[in-house]
Amino acid sequence: MDDVRVAAIASLTPLEELDSDPFLVDTRSQHAMCARWAADKGYVLARQLLFYGLRPDHRGLWADVDAGAVDLFVAPNERVLARALTSVRDFSAECERRGVRLETVGLDEPAYDAAAKADVHRRLSMPTAGYDGC
């Protein structure tokens, strides 16, 4: 059987929204959720995508599909898709038109206490200072 190649979609949300919606800011957790989902299904995570308000017809979104490198898009949930794309409905229609599956993981979002939010803030606010996110 051929491997199913998955592109995981995360939402690029400004750090300023960390207190109000930490999961949408925490792209690492979004991608990790998608990676676990793919691994549990025996799929191969081929791409990790990061978007904010991308048009569903943007060629960058479809380049890997057109190249045969991606068979399926997955996002942690509808909220992430709604932030990542300008129109989830249009994206779903384009996926259907192209014969590409679109899935959502559908697991509960992680809980974020003050320490978890601080970790996300540190990781995202100091990438050029040598902080590696560990």
C-alpha atoms as a PDB file:
ATOM      1  CA  MET A   1       0.000   0.000   0.000  1.00  0.00           C
ATOM      2  CA  ASP A   2       1.240   3.495  -0.816  1.00  0.00           C
ATOM      3  CA  ASP A   3       1.777   5.878   2.060  1.00  0.00           C
ATOM      4  CA  VAL A   4      -0.821   8.596   2.522  1.00  0.00           C
ATOM      5  CA  ARG A   5       1.084  11.868   2.588  1.00  0.00           C
ATOM      6  CA  VAL A   6      -0.357  14.501   4.892  1.00  0.00           C
ATOM      7  CA  ALA A   7       0.043  18.273   5.022  1.00  0.00           C
ATOM      8  CA  ALA A   8      -0.698  19.627   8.503  1.00  0.00           C
ATOM      9  CA  ILE A   9      -2.241  23.098   8.595  1.00  0.00           C
ATOM     10  CA  ALA A  10      -1.593  25.393  11.547  1.00  0.00           C
ATOM     11  CA  SER A  11      -2.802  28.945  12.027  1.00  0.00           C
ATOM     12  CA  LEU A  12      -0.339  31.785  12.258  1.00  0.00           C
ATOM     13  CA  THR A  13      -1.920  33.893  14.986  1.00  0.00           C
ATOM     14  CA  PRO A  14      -0.272  36.958  16.518  1.00  0.00           C
ATOM     15  CA  LEU A  15       1.439  36.544  19.866  1.00  0.00           C
ATOM     16  CA  GLU A  16      -0.780  39.330  21.209  1.00  0.00           C
ATOM     17  CA  GLU A  17      -3.654  36.811  21.258  1.00  0.00           C
ATOM     18  CA  LEU A  18      -1.829  34.392  23.565  1.00  0.00           C
ATOM     19  CA  ASP A  19      -3.912  35.234  26.637  1.00  0.00           C
ATOM     20  CA  SER A  20      -7.251  35.112  24.840  1.00  0.00           C
ATOM     21  CA  ASP A  21      -6.649  32.035  22.648  1.00  0.00           C
ATOM     22  CA  PRO A  22      -3.366  30.247  23.395  1.00  0.00           C
ATOM     23  CA  PHE A  23      -3.969  27.210  21.191  1.00  0.00           C
ATOM     24  CA  LEU A  24      -4.339  29.356  18.070  1.00  0.00           C
ATOM     25  CA  VAL A  25      -0.998  30.977  18.884  1.00  0.00           C
ATOM     26  CA  ASP A  26       0.768  27.715  19.751  1.00  0.00           C
ATOM     27  CA  THR A  27       1.655  26.424  16.302  1.00  0.00           C
ATOM     28  CA  ARG A  28       3.939  23.769  17.761  1.00  0.00           C
ATOM     29  CA  SER A  29       1.020  22.144  19.602  1.00  0.00           C
ATOM     30  CA  GLN A  30      -1.184  22.440  16.514  1.00  0.00           C
ATOM     31  CA  HIS A  31       1.383  20.643  14.369  1.00  0.00           C
ATOM     32  CA  ALA A  32       2.069  18.068  17.096  1.00  0.00           C
ATOM     33  CA  MET A  33      -1.637  17.250  17.293  1.00  0.00           C
ATOM     34  CA  CYS A  34      -1.732  16.710  13.531  1.00  0.00           C
ATOM     35  CA  ALA A  35       1.462  14.632  13.605  1.00  0.00           C
ATOM     36  CA  ARG A  36       0.025  12.331  16.291  1.00  0.00           C
ATOM     37  CA  TRP A  37      -3.187  11.957  14.292  1.00  0.00           C
ATOM     38  CA  ALA A  38      -1.255  11.066  11.146  1.00  0.00           C
ATOM     39  CA  ALA A  39       0.999   8.593  12.970  1.00  0.00           C
ATOM     40  CA  ASP A  40      -2.000   6.916  14.623  1.00  0.00           C
ATOM     41  CA  LYS A  41      -3.480   6.335  11.177  1.00  0.00           C
ATOM     42  CA  GLY A  42      -0.199   5.115   9.679  1.00  0.00           C
ATOM     43  CA  TYR A  43       0.088   8.185   7.445  1.00  0.00           C
ATOM     44  CA  VAL A  44       3.264  10.101   6.626  1.00  0.00           C
ATOM     45  CA  LEU A  45       3.485  13.745   7.666  1.00  0.00           C
ATOM     46  CA  ALA A  46       4.921  15.273   4.498  1.00  0.00           C
ATOM     47  CA  ARG A  47       4.465  18.995   5.187  1.00  0.00           C
ATOM     48  CA  GLN A  48       3.818  21.381   8.032  1.00  0.00           C
ATOM     49  CA  LEU A  49       2.006  24.448   6.753  1.00  0.00           C
ATOM     50  CA  LEU A  50       1.536  27.730   8.581  1.00  0.00           C
ATOM     51  CA  PHE A  51      -1.008  30.258   7.295  1.00  0.00           C
ATOM     52  CA  TYR A  52      -3.007  33.275   8.342  1.00  0.00           C
ATOM     53  CA  GLY A  53      -5.939  34.283   6.165  1.00  0.00           C
ATOM     54  CA  LEU A  54      -4.651  32.525   3.051  1.00  0.00           C
ATOM     55  CA  ARG A  55      -6.942  32.437   0.040  1.00  0.00           C
ATOM     56  CA  PRO A  56      -8.086  28.889  -0.737  1.00  0.00           C
ATOM     57  CA  ASP A  57      -6.902  29.252  -4.335  1.00  0.00           C
ATOM     58  CA  HIS A  58      -3.373  30.419  -3.410  1.00  0.00           C
ATOM     59  CA  ARG A  59      -0.910  28.460  -5.523  1.00  0.00           C
ATOM     60  CA  GLY A  60       1.426  27.915  -2.558  1.00  0.00           C
ATOM     61  CA  LEU A  61      -1.287  25.918  -0.865  1.00  0.00           C
ATOM     62  CA  TRP A  62      -1.647  23.578  -3.820  1.00  0.00           C
ATOM     63  CA  ALA A  63       1.975  23.263  -5.006  1.00  0.00           C
ATOM     64  CA  ASP A  64       2.608  20.067  -3.015  1.00  0.00           C
ATOM     65  CA  VAL A  65      -0.679  18.574  -4.170  1.00  0.00           C
ATOM     66  CA  ASP A  66       0.124  19.387  -7.804  1.00  0.00           C
ATOM     67  CA  ALA A  67       3.596  17.878  -7.377  1.00  0.00           C
ATOM     68  CA  GLY A  68       2.083  14.671  -5.985  1.00  0.00           C
ATOM     69  CA  ALA A  69       3.705  15.176  -2.569  1.00  0.00           C
ATOM     70  CA  VAL A  70       0.476  15.581  -0.570  1.00  0.00           C
ATOM     71  CA  ASP A  71      -2.698  13.467  -0.589  1.00  0.00           C
ATOM     72  CA  LEU A  72      -4.543  14.916   2.389  1.00  0.00           C
ATOM     73  CA  PHE A  73      -4.785  18.114   4.433  1.00  0.00           C
ATOM     74  CA  VAL A  74      -5.353  17.937   8.182  1.00  0.00           C
ATOM     75  CA  ALA A  75      -5.896  20.656  10.764  1.00  0.00           C
ATOM     76  CA  PRO A  76      -6.416  20.321  14.497  1.00  0.00           C
ATOM     77  CA  ASN A  77      -9.953  21.706  14.279  1.00  0.00           C
ATOM     78  CA  GLU A  78     -12.294  24.048  12.437  1.00  0.00           C
ATOM     79  CA  ARG A  79     -11.134  27.055  14.472  1.00  0.00           C
ATOM     80  CA  VAL A  80      -7.602  26.631  13.197  1.00  0.00           C
ATOM     81  CA  LEU A  81      -8.837  26.283   9.620  1.00  0.00           C
ATOM     82  CA  ALA A  82     -10.989  29.391  10.000  1.00  0.00           C
ATOM     83  CA  ARG A  83      -7.946  31.396  11.105  1.00  0.00           C
ATOM     84  CA  ALA A  84      -5.551  29.890   8.567  1.00  0.00           C
ATOM     85  CA  LEU A  85      -7.802  30.394   5.531  1.00  0.00           C
ATOM     86  CA  THR A  86     -10.081  33.159   4.325  1.00  0.00           C
ATOM     87  CA  SER A  87     -12.855  30.640   3.587  1.00  0.00           C
ATOM     88  CA  VAL A  88     -13.038  27.113   4.939  1.00  0.00           C
ATOM     89  CA  ARG A  89     -16.059  26.449   2.726  1.00  0.00           C
ATOM     90  CA  ASP A  90     -14.182  27.461  -0.435  1.00  0.00           C
ATOM     91  CA  PHE A  91     -11.131  25.464   0.638  1.00  0.00           C
ATOM     92  CA  SER A  92     -13.282  22.390   1.262  1.00  0.00           C
ATOM     93  CA  ALA A  93     -14.860  22.815  -2.164  1.00  0.00           C
ATOM     94  CA  GLU A  94     -11.442  23.147  -3.792  1.00  0.00           C
ATOM     95  CA  CYS A  95     -10.229  20.028  -1.977  1.00  0.00           C
ATOM     96  CA  GLU A  96     -13.257  18.140  -3.239  1.00  0.00           C
ATOM     97  CA  ARG A  97     -12.762  19.444  -6.776  1.00  0.00           C
ATOM     98  CA  ARG A  98      -9.123  18.313  -6.741  1.00  0.00           C
ATOM     99  CA  GLY A  99      -9.853  14.985  -5.060  1.00  0.00           C
ATOM    100  CA  VAL A 100      -7.830  15.801  -1.954  1.00  0.00           C
ATOM    101  CA  ARG A 101      -9.174  14.812   1.443  1.00  0.00           C
ATOM    102  CA  LEU A 102      -9.537  17.390   4.207  1.00  0.00           C
ATOM    103  CA  GLU A 103      -9.698  16.143   7.792  1.00  0.00           C
ATOM    104  CA  THR A 104      -9.729  17.670  11.237  1.00  0.00           C
ATOM    105  CA  VAL A 105      -8.155  15.905  14.193  1.00  0.00           C
ATOM    106  CA  GLY A 106     -11.019  16.721  16.521  1.00  0.00           C
ATOM    107  CA  LEU A 107      -9.157  16.127  19.783  1.00  0.00           C
ATOM    108  CA  ASP A 108      -9.488  18.386  22.803  1.00  0.00           C
ATOM    109  CA  GLU A 109      -7.159  21.342  22.798  1.00  0.00           C
ATOM    110  CA  PRO A 110      -4.488  21.293  25.489  1.00  0.00           C
ATOM    111  CA  ALA A 111      -5.060  23.307  28.654  1.00  0.00           C
ATOM    112  CA  TYR A 112      -2.864  26.352  29.096  1.00  0.00           C
ATOM    113  CA  ASP A 113      -1.958  27.571  32.541  1.00  0.00           C
ATOM    114  CA  ALA A 114       0.296  30.561  33.176  1.00  0.00           C
ATOM    115  CA  ALA A 115       3.460  28.461  32.842  1.00  0.00           C
ATOM    116  CA  ALA A 116       2.370  26.947  29.527  1.00  0.00           C
ATOM    117  CA  LYS A 117       1.523  30.383  28.156  1.00  0.00           C
ATOM    118  CA  ALA A 118       4.911  31.657  29.326  1.00  0.00           C
ATOM    119  CA  ASP A 119       6.633  28.798  27.488  1.00  0.00           C
ATOM    120  CA  VAL A 120       4.783  29.621  24.269  1.00  0.00           C
ATOM    121  CA  HIS A 121       5.568  33.314  24.688  1.00  0.00           C
ATOM    122  CA  ARG A 122       9.262  32.640  25.302  1.00  0.00           C
ATOM    123  CA  ARG A 123       9.518  30.286  22.342  1.00  0.00           C
ATOM    124  CA  LEU A 124       7.831  32.680  19.933  1.00  0.00           C
ATOM    125  CA  SER A 125       9.329  35.931  21.156  1.00  0.00           C
ATOM    126  CA  MET A 126      12.987  34.845  21.248  1.00  0.00           C
ATOM    127  CA  PRO A 127      13.669  32.784  18.124  1.00  0.00           C
ATOM    128  CA  THR A 128      16.604  34.948  17.051  1.00  0.00           C
ATOM    129  CA  ALA A 129      18.173  35.001  20.520  1.00  0.00           C
ATOM    130  CA  GLY A 130      19.236  31.376  20.208  1.00  0.00           C
ATOM    131  CA  TYR A 131      16.328  29.903  22.141  1.00  0.00           C
ATOM    132  CA  ASP A 132      15.502  26.542  20.594  1.00  0.00           C
ATOM    133  CA  GLY A 133      12.112  25.963  22.181  1.00  0.00           C
ATOM    134  CA  CYS A 134      13.152  23.238  24.611  1.00  0.00           C
END
